[in-house]
Amino acid sequence: MNFKDDLLQFFFPELCVVCHRILTRQESVLCMDCFFHIPRTEFHKDPENAVAQLFWGRVGIENAAAFFYFSKGSLYQVLIHKLKYRGRKDIGIEMGRAFGAELKSSIFASANLILPVPLHPSKLKLRGYNQSEMIAEGLSRALEVATDFNILQRVVSGQSQTRKSRFDRYLNAEGKYVLSNPAALEGKHIIIVDDVVTTGSTLEACAIEILRVPGTRVSVLTLAVA
């Protein structure tokens, strides 16, 4: 860090997203105390975890996991909120990297490619970025697995899924995703990445499209599970 950075840090210190303490030079997004107390799921250690079970009987997912538990009113809800609606791309990258560090010795590290769940172009233009791409970027850096932000595309817009039932969420996601270059996925193990998984309908729709390609296998990673 140079003199200019020191000056900026003095007048505009970086604060922990959760507790608002001033971060040290070694910290990013969260202070060490808040990072230590993230309500981790440890799902990557259990192949029959709650996220994996969401897809049973629906689509053939190889492995699935989420980094932490998400609940309304939780101190850590702010991570998702600021990532999605407050322009804090760094939260996605840093949390993705932290999650990836914990997955280094897991089956996820053997994947060939990471694909974020895409936003429709109209929503991407409105928000300015895709939060799932930020998470995928962090995971990619930690796992040393390549990403592609263009192959999986959303071609039909839709209403928010927030207040929909599980069945309505499935109908809302069905048929809205396409692959721009299916041949590039042949024979590969693909990780699909999203920010939060609730019913799994969006991830299911993406996985179904990818699994049409010969020889593909699909795993799922999300930053949080509701």
Protein backbone atom coordinates (compact mmCIF):
# COMPACT_ATOMS: atom_id res chain seq x y z
CA MET A 1 0.00 0.00 0.00
CA ASN A 2 1.46 3.38 -1.04
CA PHE A 3 1.14 6.83 0.55
CA LYS A 4 -1.99 7.64 -1.48
CA ASP A 5 -3.65 4.43 -0.31
CA ASP A 6 -2.64 5.18 3.28
CA LEU A 7 -4.21 8.62 3.00
CA LEU A 8 -7.45 7.24 1.57
CA GLN A 9 -7.58 4.60 4.29
CA PHE A 10 -7.10 7.31 6.94
CA PHE A 11 -9.93 9.54 5.71
CA PHE A 12 -12.17 6.82 4.26
CA PRO A 13 -11.38 3.62 6.18
CA GLU A 14 -12.78 0.32 4.95
CA LEU A 15 -15.32 -1.05 7.37
CA CYS A 16 -16.44 -4.58 8.12
CA VAL A 17 -19.72 -5.18 6.29
CA VAL A 18 -21.23 -6.89 9.34
CA CYS A 19 -19.99 -5.08 12.48
CA HIS A 20 -18.63 -1.87 10.88
CA ARG A 21 -15.27 -2.03 12.60
CA ILE A 22 -12.34 -0.53 10.69
CA LEU A 23 -10.58 -3.28 8.73
CA THR A 24 -6.85 -3.84 8.96
CA ARG A 25 -4.66 -4.13 5.86
CA GLN A 26 -4.89 -7.92 6.09
CA GLU A 27 -8.70 -7.93 6.16
CA SER A 28 -11.20 -7.54 3.32
CA VAL A 29 -15.01 -7.23 3.48
CA LEU A 30 -15.19 -8.82 6.94
CA CYS A 31 -13.08 -8.43 10.06
CA MET A 32 -11.49 -11.64 11.29
CA ASP A 33 -14.00 -12.00 14.12
CA CYS A 34 -17.03 -11.77 11.81
CA PHE A 35 -15.36 -14.02 9.26
CA PHE A 36 -14.72 -16.63 11.96
CA HIS A 37 -18.38 -16.56 13.03
CA ILE A 38 -19.94 -16.95 9.57
CA PRO A 39 -22.69 -19.59 10.03
CA ARG A 40 -20.98 -22.12 7.76
CA THR A 41 -22.94 -25.13 6.57
CA GLU A 42 -19.98 -27.48 5.99
CA PHE A 43 -22.21 -29.14 3.38
CA HIS A 44 -19.25 -29.93 1.13
CA LYS A 45 -18.29 -32.62 3.66
CA ASP A 46 -21.66 -34.40 3.35
CA PRO A 47 -22.75 -35.59 -0.13
CA GLU A 48 -26.33 -36.02 1.15
CA ASN A 49 -26.64 -32.51 2.57
CA ALA A 50 -29.80 -30.38 2.50
CA VAL A 51 -28.88 -28.56 -0.73
CA ALA A 52 -28.10 -31.82 -2.54
CA GLN A 53 -31.44 -33.21 -1.41
CA LEU A 54 -33.28 -30.33 -3.09
CA PHE A 55 -32.45 -31.90 -6.46
CA TRP A 56 -33.20 -35.53 -5.65
CA GLY A 57 -35.74 -36.90 -8.12
CA ARG A 58 -35.62 -33.67 -10.14
CA VAL A 59 -32.26 -33.52 -11.94
CA GLY A 60 -29.01 -35.47 -11.74
CA ILE A 61 -26.70 -33.24 -9.75
CA GLU A 62 -23.29 -34.72 -8.89
CA ASN A 63 -22.56 -32.60 -5.81
CA ALA A 64 -24.07 -29.53 -4.17
CA ALA A 65 -23.08 -27.23 -1.33
CA ALA A 66 -23.60 -23.76 0.12
CA PHE A 67 -21.10 -21.69 2.10
CA PHE A 68 -23.33 -20.31 4.86
CA TYR A 69 -26.89 -20.25 6.19
CA PHE A 70 -29.04 -17.28 5.18
CA SER A 71 -31.98 -16.12 7.26
CA LYS A 72 -33.88 -12.86 7.41
CA GLY A 73 -32.71 -10.74 10.30
CA SER A 74 -29.34 -12.48 10.48
CA LEU A 75 -26.25 -10.31 10.84
CA TYR A 76 -24.95 -11.97 7.68
CA GLN A 77 -28.01 -11.14 5.58
CA VAL A 78 -26.25 -7.88 4.78
CA LEU A 79 -23.63 -9.76 2.73
CA ILE A 80 -26.23 -10.85 0.17
CA HIS A 81 -28.13 -7.56 0.26
CA LYS A 82 -25.08 -5.38 -0.39
CA LEU A 83 -23.73 -7.78 -3.00
CA LYS A 84 -26.98 -7.75 -4.99
CA TYR A 85 -28.30 -4.24 -4.50
CA ARG A 86 -25.51 -1.94 -3.25
CA GLY A 87 -22.83 -2.48 -5.88
CA ARG A 88 -20.47 -4.36 -3.58
CA LYS A 89 -18.90 -6.67 -6.16
CA ASP A 90 -15.99 -7.23 -3.77
CA ILE A 91 -18.26 -9.13 -1.39
CA GLY A 92 -18.98 -11.75 -4.05
CA ILE A 93 -15.33 -12.11 -5.03
CA GLU A 94 -14.00 -12.30 -1.47
CA MET A 95 -16.71 -14.65 -0.18
CA GLY A 96 -16.32 -16.82 -3.28
CA ARG A 97 -12.60 -16.98 -2.69
CA ALA A 98 -13.10 -17.86 0.99
CA PHE A 99 -15.57 -20.60 0.05
CA GLY A 100 -13.21 -21.89 -2.62
CA ALA A 101 -10.36 -22.12 -0.12
CA GLU A 102 -12.48 -24.50 1.96
CA LEU A 103 -13.30 -26.58 -1.13
CA LYS A 104 -9.69 -27.09 -2.27
CA SER A 105 -9.54 -30.70 -1.10
CA SER A 106 -13.12 -31.55 -2.11
CA ILE A 107 -14.60 -33.08 -5.26
CA PHE A 108 -15.48 -29.58 -6.47
CA ALA A 109 -11.80 -28.84 -7.12
CA SER A 110 -11.79 -31.46 -9.90
CA ALA A 111 -14.38 -29.61 -12.02
CA ASN A 112 -13.49 -28.36 -15.49
CA LEU A 113 -15.51 -25.17 -15.68
CA ILE A 114 -17.52 -22.75 -13.51
CA LEU A 115 -20.67 -21.16 -14.95
CA PRO A 116 -22.59 -18.47 -13.02
CA VAL A 117 -26.37 -18.37 -13.25
CA PRO A 118 -26.92 -15.58 -15.81
CA LEU A 119 -29.15 -12.53 -15.53
CA HIS A 120 -31.42 -11.45 -18.34
CA PRO A 121 -29.75 -8.59 -20.30
CA SER A 122 -32.41 -6.12 -19.12
CA LYS A 123 -31.74 -6.90 -15.45
CA LEU A 124 -27.98 -6.94 -16.05
CA LYS A 125 -28.23 -3.45 -17.57
CA LEU A 126 -30.28 -2.22 -14.62
CA ARG A 127 -28.00 -3.70 -11.93
CA GLY A 128 -24.74 -3.15 -13.78
CA TYR A 129 -23.25 -6.54 -13.00
CA ASN A 130 -24.18 -10.14 -12.22
CA GLN A 131 -23.57 -10.99 -8.56
CA SER A 132 -23.19 -14.69 -9.40
CA GLU A 133 -20.30 -13.83 -11.73
CA MET A 134 -18.51 -12.18 -8.81
CA ILE A 135 -18.91 -15.30 -6.67
CA ALA A 136 -17.77 -17.48 -9.58
CA GLU A 137 -14.70 -15.28 -10.03
CA GLY A 138 -13.72 -15.74 -6.39
CA LEU A 139 -14.26 -19.50 -6.57
CA SER A 140 -12.23 -19.65 -9.77
CA ARG A 141 -9.27 -17.91 -8.16
CA ALA A 142 -9.26 -20.25 -5.17
CA LEU A 143 -9.97 -23.51 -7.00
CA GLU A 144 -7.95 -22.64 -10.13
CA VAL A 145 -10.88 -23.72 -12.28
CA ALA A 146 -11.75 -21.67 -15.36
CA THR A 147 -14.95 -19.62 -15.65
CA ASP A 148 -17.09 -18.70 -18.64
CA PHE A 149 -19.63 -15.90 -18.38
CA ASN A 150 -21.09 -16.26 -21.88
CA ILE A 151 -21.98 -19.89 -22.59
CA LEU A 152 -25.00 -20.08 -20.27
CA GLN A 153 -27.46 -17.32 -21.14
CA ARG A 154 -30.86 -16.21 -19.94
CA VAL A 155 -33.06 -15.39 -22.92
CA VAL A 156 -36.44 -14.81 -21.29
CA SER A 157 -37.06 -12.28 -18.55
CA GLY A 158 -39.35 -13.05 -15.64
CA GLN A 159 -40.82 -11.88 -12.39
CA SER A 160 -38.95 -12.04 -9.11
CA GLN A 161 -38.98 -15.48 -7.48
CA THR A 162 -38.99 -14.11 -3.94
CA ARG A 163 -42.66 -14.74 -3.07
CA LYS A 164 -43.35 -17.67 -5.38
CA SER A 165 -44.11 -21.23 -4.32
CA ARG A 166 -41.71 -24.03 -5.22
CA PHE A 167 -43.84 -25.12 -8.19
CA ASP A 168 -44.32 -21.54 -9.41
CA ARG A 169 -40.58 -20.97 -9.17
CA TYR A 170 -40.02 -23.99 -11.40
CA LEU A 171 -42.52 -22.73 -13.98
CA ASN A 172 -40.94 -19.27 -13.81
CA ALA A 173 -37.46 -20.67 -14.59
CA GLU A 174 -38.38 -23.36 -17.14
CA GLY A 175 -37.20 -22.70 -20.69
CA LYS A 176 -35.44 -19.44 -19.90
CA TYR A 177 -31.83 -20.59 -20.28
CA VAL A 178 -29.87 -21.58 -23.39
CA LEU A 179 -26.29 -22.49 -24.24
CA SER A 180 -24.47 -20.38 -26.82
CA ASN A 181 -21.81 -23.02 -27.50
CA PRO A 182 -22.90 -26.47 -26.27
CA ALA A 183 -19.94 -28.26 -27.91
CA ALA A 184 -17.54 -26.45 -25.57
CA LEU A 185 -19.10 -28.32 -22.63
CA GLU A 186 -18.98 -31.86 -24.00
CA GLY A 187 -17.51 -34.36 -21.56
CA LYS A 188 -16.93 -31.74 -18.84
CA HIS A 189 -17.79 -31.49 -15.16
CA ILE A 190 -19.53 -28.12 -14.76
CA ILE A 191 -20.13 -26.16 -11.55
CA ILE A 192 -23.16 -23.85 -11.66
CA VAL A 193 -22.89 -20.93 -9.22
CA ASP A 194 -25.63 -18.76 -7.70
CA ASP A 195 -25.89 -16.41 -4.74
CA VAL A 196 -28.71 -18.01 -2.71
CA VAL A 197 -30.54 -21.31 -3.12
CA THR A 198 -34.08 -21.62 -1.79
CA THR A 199 -36.04 -24.23 -3.77
CA GLY A 200 -33.33 -24.86 -6.36
CA SER A 201 -35.66 -24.22 -9.33
CA THR A 202 -33.36 -21.79 -11.15
CA LEU A 203 -30.35 -24.05 -10.71
CA GLU A 204 -32.43 -27.04 -11.81
CA ALA A 205 -33.43 -25.27 -15.03
CA CYS A 206 -29.80 -24.40 -15.78
CA ALA A 207 -28.63 -27.94 -15.01
CA ILE A 208 -31.27 -29.50 -17.28
CA GLU A 209 -30.04 -27.38 -20.19
CA ILE A 210 -26.38 -28.27 -19.57
CA LEU A 211 -27.09 -31.98 -19.14
CA ARG A 212 -28.52 -32.11 -22.67
CA VAL A 213 -24.89 -31.90 -23.82
CA PRO A 214 -23.26 -35.35 -24.18
CA GLY A 215 -20.96 -36.42 -21.36
CA THR A 216 -21.60 -33.47 -19.07
CA ARG A 217 -21.84 -33.67 -15.29
CA VAL A 218 -23.18 -30.85 -13.13
CA SER A 219 -22.46 -29.74 -9.57
CA VAL A 220 -23.91 -26.76 -7.73
CA LEU A 221 -22.36 -24.17 -5.42
CA THR A 222 -24.10 -21.22 -3.80
CA LEU A 223 -22.91 -18.59 -1.39
CA ALA A 224 -25.89 -19.12 0.91
CA VAL A 225 -28.83 -21.42 1.54
CA ALA A 226 -32.14 -20.06 2.79
